[in-house]
Amino acid sequence: MKQFHLSSLSFHQKLIIWLFSVILFLGVLTLTTISFFTPSHDGLIALFVHFHFEAMVLIGLLGVGIGGLSFYLLSQEIKEKSQTVKSQSQLLLSFLTPQEKECVLFLAKNGNESYQSDLAKLPGMTRLKAHRIVTKLLDRKIIHISSHGKANKLTLSEEWKSGLAENN
C-alpha cells in the first residue's frame, strides 16, 4: 500500500489544504465570538456557549496547528528555492576566471565589502592584477566602488550578495 506524504503534493494542493485549515480556524473563531456576545440556548451556538472555555482552547490549538502546518508546507518550497539560488550562484561563479572568483568569494567571506588593497594581499595577487580584476568586475556590475580618501572600498552588488549568501 502506497503511503501518503504531504511533501509529494504540489504547491497549489498545499495551498488548498492551508486555506481550508485557515477557513476552519476562522469559522471556529467566529462561532466562539458570536456565542460570547449573543448567548443562545439552541443549536450550534448553544454548544459554544456551554463549552466556551473549551472552544477557546480549541482556537489556540488550531492557531498553533495552522502555524505548524504553514511551516511544514512552506519549508519544502523554501528549501527548493535555496537550492536553486545555490546552483545559480555556482553557475555564475563558473563564468569568472579563477582570480576573479577568488576575489568575489573573498568579498563574500568578508561581509560583502573590502578595500582594494586587501585584494592585492591575496596569494599570487599584485596591486596591478587587483586593479585589473576590480575593473573587470566593475564593468560586469558584480561590484561597486566607493572612494575613501586614497583607498577604494569594494562592495558586492545586491544580486551577488543574495546569491553568495546561500553559497557560504
C-alpha atoms as a PDB file:
ATOM      1  CA  MET A   1       0.000   0.000   0.000  1.00  0.00           C
ATOM      2  CA  LYS A   2       1.350   3.409  -1.015  1.00  0.00           C
ATOM      3  CA  GLN A   3       1.998   5.810   1.837  1.00  0.00           C
ATOM      4  CA  PHE A   4       0.743   9.403   1.642  1.00  0.00           C
ATOM      5  CA  HIS A   5       3.219  12.258   2.271  1.00  0.00           C
ATOM      6  CA  LEU A   6       2.413  15.967   2.235  1.00  0.00           C
ATOM      7  CA  SER A   7       5.772  16.602   0.577  1.00  0.00           C
ATOM      8  CA  SER A   8       4.531  14.811  -2.554  1.00  0.00           C
ATOM      9  CA  LEU A   9       1.759  17.382  -3.065  1.00  0.00           C
ATOM     10  CA  SER A  10       2.115  20.286  -5.478  1.00  0.00           C
ATOM     11  CA  PHE A  11       2.299  23.843  -4.209  1.00  0.00           C
ATOM     12  CA  HIS A  12      -1.316  24.503  -5.238  1.00  0.00           C
ATOM     13  CA  GLN A  13      -2.565  21.424  -3.384  1.00  0.00           C
ATOM     14  CA  LYS A  14      -0.641  22.514  -0.290  1.00  0.00           C
ATOM     15  CA  LEU A  15      -2.157  25.970  -0.632  1.00  0.00           C
ATOM     16  CA  ILE A  16      -5.676  24.488  -0.760  1.00  0.00           C
ATOM     17  CA  ILE A  17      -5.015  22.459   2.407  1.00  0.00           C
ATOM     18  CA  TRP A  18      -3.678  25.567   4.134  1.00  0.00           C
ATOM     19  CA  LEU A  19      -6.659  27.683   3.042  1.00  0.00           C
ATOM     20  CA  PHE A  20      -9.076  25.010   4.273  1.00  0.00           C
ATOM     21  CA  SER A  21      -7.392  24.966   7.677  1.00  0.00           C
ATOM     22  CA  VAL A  22      -7.474  28.779   7.892  1.00  0.00           C
ATOM     23  CA  ILE A  23     -11.174  28.814   6.970  1.00  0.00           C
ATOM     24  CA  LEU A  24     -11.839  26.166   9.651  1.00  0.00           C
ATOM     25  CA  PHE A  25      -9.930  28.285  12.182  1.00  0.00           C
ATOM     26  CA  LEU A  26     -11.848  31.430  11.256  1.00  0.00           C
ATOM     27  CA  GLY A  27     -15.153  29.542  11.431  1.00  0.00           C
ATOM     28  CA  VAL A  28     -14.478  28.289  14.952  1.00  0.00           C
ATOM     29  CA  LEU A  29     -13.277  31.749  15.965  1.00  0.00           C
ATOM     30  CA  THR A  30     -16.426  33.361  14.544  1.00  0.00           C
ATOM     31  CA  LEU A  31     -18.756  30.879  16.277  1.00  0.00           C
ATOM     32  CA  THR A  32     -16.956  31.375  19.574  1.00  0.00           C
ATOM     33  CA  THR A  33     -17.150  35.150  19.257  1.00  0.00           C
ATOM     34  CA  ILE A  34     -20.842  35.055  18.338  1.00  0.00           C
ATOM     35  CA  SER A  35     -21.572  32.722  21.249  1.00  0.00           C
ATOM     36  CA  PHE A  36     -19.867  35.135  23.643  1.00  0.00           C
ATOM     37  CA  PHE A  37     -21.818  38.225  22.556  1.00  0.00           C
ATOM     38  CA  THR A  38     -25.213  36.625  21.811  1.00  0.00           C
ATOM     39  CA  PRO A  39     -25.831  33.695  24.121  1.00  0.00           C
ATOM     40  CA  SER A  40     -28.390  31.301  22.730  1.00  0.00           C
ATOM     41  CA  HIS A  41     -29.890  28.147  24.163  1.00  0.00           C
ATOM     42  CA  ASP A  42     -30.354  26.142  20.982  1.00  0.00           C
ATOM     43  CA  GLY A  43     -28.327  24.894  18.051  1.00  0.00           C
ATOM     44  CA  LEU A  44     -24.608  25.052  17.431  1.00  0.00           C
ATOM     45  CA  ILE A  45     -24.157  28.384  19.176  1.00  0.00           C
ATOM     46  CA  ALA A  46     -25.569  26.917  22.392  1.00  0.00           C
ATOM     47  CA  LEU A  47     -22.844  24.295  22.228  1.00  0.00           C
ATOM     48  CA  PHE A  48     -20.207  27.038  22.048  1.00  0.00           C
ATOM     49  CA  VAL A  49     -21.895  28.953  24.895  1.00  0.00           C
ATOM     50  CA  HIS A  50     -21.835  25.897  27.114  1.00  0.00           C
ATOM     51  CA  PHE A  51     -18.262  24.936  26.203  1.00  0.00           C
ATOM     52  CA  HIS A  52     -16.857  28.435  25.742  1.00  0.00           C
ATOM     53  CA  PHE A  53     -13.561  27.734  27.539  1.00  0.00           C
ATOM     54  CA  GLU A  54     -13.019  24.543  25.580  1.00  0.00           C
ATOM     55  CA  ALA A  55     -13.736  26.421  22.341  1.00  0.00           C
ATOM     56  CA  MET A  56     -11.099  28.996  23.238  1.00  0.00           C
ATOM     57  CA  VAL A  57      -8.578  26.205  23.872  1.00  0.00           C
ATOM     58  CA  LEU A  58      -9.578  24.697  20.511  1.00  0.00           C
ATOM     59  CA  ILE A  59      -8.937  28.056  18.829  1.00  0.00           C
ATOM     60  CA  GLY A  60      -5.492  28.226  20.423  1.00  0.00           C
ATOM     61  CA  LEU A  61      -4.648  24.697  19.330  1.00  0.00           C
ATOM     62  CA  LEU A  62      -5.938  25.351  15.826  1.00  0.00           C
ATOM     63  CA  GLY A  63      -3.793  28.500  15.642  1.00  0.00           C
ATOM     64  CA  VAL A  64      -0.688  26.602  16.689  1.00  0.00           C
ATOM     65  CA  GLY A  65      -1.602  23.791  14.296  1.00  0.00           C
ATOM     66  CA  ILE A  66      -2.046  26.177  11.382  1.00  0.00           C
ATOM     67  CA  GLY A  67       1.305  27.772  12.186  1.00  0.00           C
ATOM     68  CA  GLY A  68       2.990  24.355  12.211  1.00  0.00           C
ATOM     69  CA  LEU A  69       1.188  23.321   9.033  1.00  0.00           C
ATOM     70  CA  SER A  70       2.248  26.552   7.317  1.00  0.00           C
ATOM     71  CA  PHE A  71       5.856  25.964   8.303  1.00  0.00           C
ATOM     72  CA  TYR A  72       5.763  22.351   7.151  1.00  0.00           C
ATOM     73  CA  LEU A  73       4.090  23.132   3.834  1.00  0.00           C
ATOM     74  CA  LEU A  74       6.355  26.057   3.002  1.00  0.00           C
ATOM     75  CA  SER A  75       9.644  24.656   4.292  1.00  0.00           C
ATOM     76  CA  GLN A  76       9.975  22.386   1.263  1.00  0.00           C
ATOM     77  CA  GLU A  77       9.392  25.348  -1.069  1.00  0.00           C
ATOM     78  CA  ILE A  78      11.991  27.415   0.775  1.00  0.00           C
ATOM     79  CA  LYS A  79      14.476  24.542   0.618  1.00  0.00           C
ATOM     80  CA  GLU A  80      13.934  24.186  -3.130  1.00  0.00           C
ATOM     81  CA  LYS A  81      14.382  27.930  -3.666  1.00  0.00           C
ATOM     82  CA  SER A  82      17.641  27.966  -1.697  1.00  0.00           C
ATOM     83  CA  GLN A  83      18.923  25.021  -3.766  1.00  0.00           C
ATOM     84  CA  THR A  84      18.062  26.942  -6.937  1.00  0.00           C
ATOM     85  CA  VAL A  85      19.865  30.059  -5.697  1.00  0.00           C
ATOM     86  CA  LYS A  86      22.889  27.979  -4.735  1.00  0.00           C
ATOM     87  CA  SER A  87      23.093  26.286  -8.134  1.00  0.00           C
ATOM     88  CA  GLN A  88      22.631  29.607  -9.938  1.00  0.00           C
ATOM     89  CA  SER A  89      25.402  31.254  -7.922  1.00  0.00           C
ATOM     90  CA  GLN A  90      27.683  28.301  -8.713  1.00  0.00           C
ATOM     91  CA  LEU A  91      26.839  28.750 -12.385  1.00  0.00           C
ATOM     92  CA  LEU A  92      27.610  32.465 -12.242  1.00  0.00           C
ATOM     93  CA  LEU A  93      30.908  31.826 -10.476  1.00  0.00           C
ATOM     94  CA  SER A  94      31.896  29.348 -13.184  1.00  0.00           C
ATOM     95  CA  PHE A  95      31.917  32.192 -15.749  1.00  0.00           C
ATOM     96  CA  LEU A  96      34.593  34.065 -13.806  1.00  0.00           C
ATOM     97  CA  THR A  97      38.320  33.493 -14.096  1.00  0.00           C
ATOM     98  CA  PRO A  98      39.904  31.745 -11.094  1.00  0.00           C
ATOM     99  CA  GLN A  99      41.352  35.015  -9.774  1.00  0.00           C
ATOM    100  CA  GLU A 100      38.067  36.882 -10.262  1.00  0.00           C
ATOM    101  CA  LYS A 101      36.262  34.068  -8.486  1.00  0.00           C
ATOM    102  CA  GLU A 102      38.787  34.217  -5.653  1.00  0.00           C
ATOM    103  CA  CYS A 103      38.220  37.962  -5.288  1.00  0.00           C
ATOM    104  CA  VAL A 104      34.418  37.652  -5.319  1.00  0.00           C
ATOM    105  CA  LEU A 105      34.498  34.856  -2.734  1.00  0.00           C
ATOM    106  CA  PHE A 106      36.942  36.911  -0.634  1.00  0.00           C
ATOM    107  CA  LEU A 107      34.462  39.787  -0.641  1.00  0.00           C
ATOM    108  CA  ALA A 108      31.597  37.440   0.227  1.00  0.00           C
ATOM    109  CA  LYS A 109      33.516  35.998   3.192  1.00  0.00           C
ATOM    110  CA  ASN A 110      34.452  39.460   4.476  1.00  0.00           C
ATOM    111  CA  GLY A 111      30.973  40.875   4.898  1.00  0.00           C
ATOM    112  CA  ASN A 112      30.481  41.637   1.184  1.00  0.00           C
ATOM    113  CA  GLU A 113      32.941  44.517   1.301  1.00  0.00           C
ATOM    114  CA  SER A 114      36.653  45.098   1.487  1.00  0.00           C
ATOM    115  CA  TYR A 115      39.331  47.516   0.374  1.00  0.00           C
ATOM    116  CA  GLN A 116      41.105  47.005  -2.939  1.00  0.00           C
ATOM    117  CA  SER A 117      44.406  46.895  -1.059  1.00  0.00           C
ATOM    118  CA  ASP A 118      43.159  43.804   0.803  1.00  0.00           C
ATOM    119  CA  LEU A 119      42.618  42.042  -2.527  1.00  0.00           C
ATOM    120  CA  ALA A 120      46.194  42.845  -3.518  1.00  0.00           C
ATOM    121  CA  LYS A 121      47.374  40.955  -0.424  1.00  0.00           C
ATOM    122  CA  LEU A 122      45.813  37.683  -1.571  1.00  0.00           C
ATOM    123  CA  PRO A 123      48.295  34.946  -2.568  1.00  0.00           C
ATOM    124  CA  GLY A 124      49.527  35.384  -6.144  1.00  0.00           C
ATOM    125  CA  MET A 125      47.926  38.810  -6.432  1.00  0.00           C
ATOM    126  CA  THR A 126      49.650  42.118  -7.086  1.00  0.00           C
ATOM    127  CA  ARG A 127      48.284  45.653  -6.964  1.00  0.00           C
ATOM    128  CA  LEU A 128      48.126  45.740 -10.762  1.00  0.00           C
ATOM    129  CA  LYS A 129      46.278  42.400 -11.004  1.00  0.00           C
ATOM    130  CA  ALA A 130      43.887  43.527  -8.295  1.00  0.00           C
ATOM    131  CA  HIS A 131      43.221  46.759 -10.203  1.00  0.00           C
ATOM    132  CA  ARG A 132      42.547  44.897 -13.465  1.00  0.00           C
ATOM    133  CA  ILE A 133      40.252  42.382 -11.788  1.00  0.00           C
ATOM    134  CA  VAL A 134      38.367  45.142  -9.990  1.00  0.00           C
ATOM    135  CA  THR A 135      37.911  46.971 -13.296  1.00  0.00           C
ATOM    136  CA  LYS A 136      36.523  43.827 -14.951  1.00  0.00           C
ATOM    137  CA  LEU A 137      34.188  43.100 -12.039  1.00  0.00           C
ATOM    138  CA  LEU A 138      33.012  46.716 -12.055  1.00  0.00           C
ATOM    139  CA  ASP A 139      32.299  46.550 -15.798  1.00  0.00           C
ATOM    140  CA  ARG A 140      30.207  43.390 -15.216  1.00  0.00           C
ATOM    141  CA  LYS A 141      28.354  45.153 -12.377  1.00  0.00           C
ATOM    142  CA  ILE A 142      29.422  42.492  -9.890  1.00  0.00           C
ATOM    143  CA  ILE A 143      30.909  45.063  -7.513  1.00  0.00           C
ATOM    144  CA  HIS A 144      30.543  48.742  -6.670  1.00  0.00           C
ATOM    145  CA  ILE A 145      33.433  51.041  -5.786  1.00  0.00           C
ATOM    146  CA  SER A 146      33.336  53.911  -3.335  1.00  0.00           C
ATOM    147  CA  SER A 147      36.368  56.115  -2.710  1.00  0.00           C
ATOM    148  CA  HIS A 148      37.538  56.614   0.855  1.00  0.00           C
ATOM    149  CA  GLY A 149      40.412  59.057   0.510  1.00  0.00           C
ATOM    150  CA  LYS A 150      43.085  57.262  -1.497  1.00  0.00           C
ATOM    151  CA  ALA A 151      41.568  53.842  -0.843  1.00  0.00           C
ATOM    152  CA  ASN A 152      38.839  52.147  -2.865  1.00  0.00           C
ATOM    153  CA  LYS A 153      36.205  50.288  -0.919  1.00  0.00           C
ATOM    154  CA  LEU A 154      34.677  47.420  -2.887  1.00  0.00           C
ATOM    155  CA  THR A 155      31.145  46.183  -2.254  1.00  0.00           C
ATOM    156  CA  LEU A 156      29.369  43.249  -3.880  1.00  0.00           C
ATOM    157  CA  SER A 157      26.198  44.143  -5.771  1.00  0.00           C
ATOM    158  CA  GLU A 158      22.914  43.192  -4.114  1.00  0.00           C
ATOM    159  CA  GLU A 159      22.226  40.385  -6.606  1.00  0.00           C
ATOM    160  CA  TRP A 160      25.556  38.725  -5.885  1.00  0.00           C
ATOM    161  CA  LYS A 161      25.200  39.244  -2.133  1.00  0.00           C
ATOM    162  CA  SER A 162      21.964  37.259  -2.007  1.00  0.00           C
ATOM    163  CA  GLY A 163      23.296  34.542  -4.309  1.00  0.00           C
ATOM    164  CA  LEU A 164      26.558  34.090  -2.460  1.00  0.00           C
ATOM    165  CA  ALA A 165      24.953  34.268   0.993  1.00  0.00           C
ATOM    166  CA  GLU A 166      23.414  30.851   0.304  1.00  0.00           C
ATOM    167  CA  ASN A 167      26.747  29.607  -1.011  1.00  0.00           C
ATOM    168  CA  ASN A 168      28.773  30.249   2.160  1.00  0.00           C
END
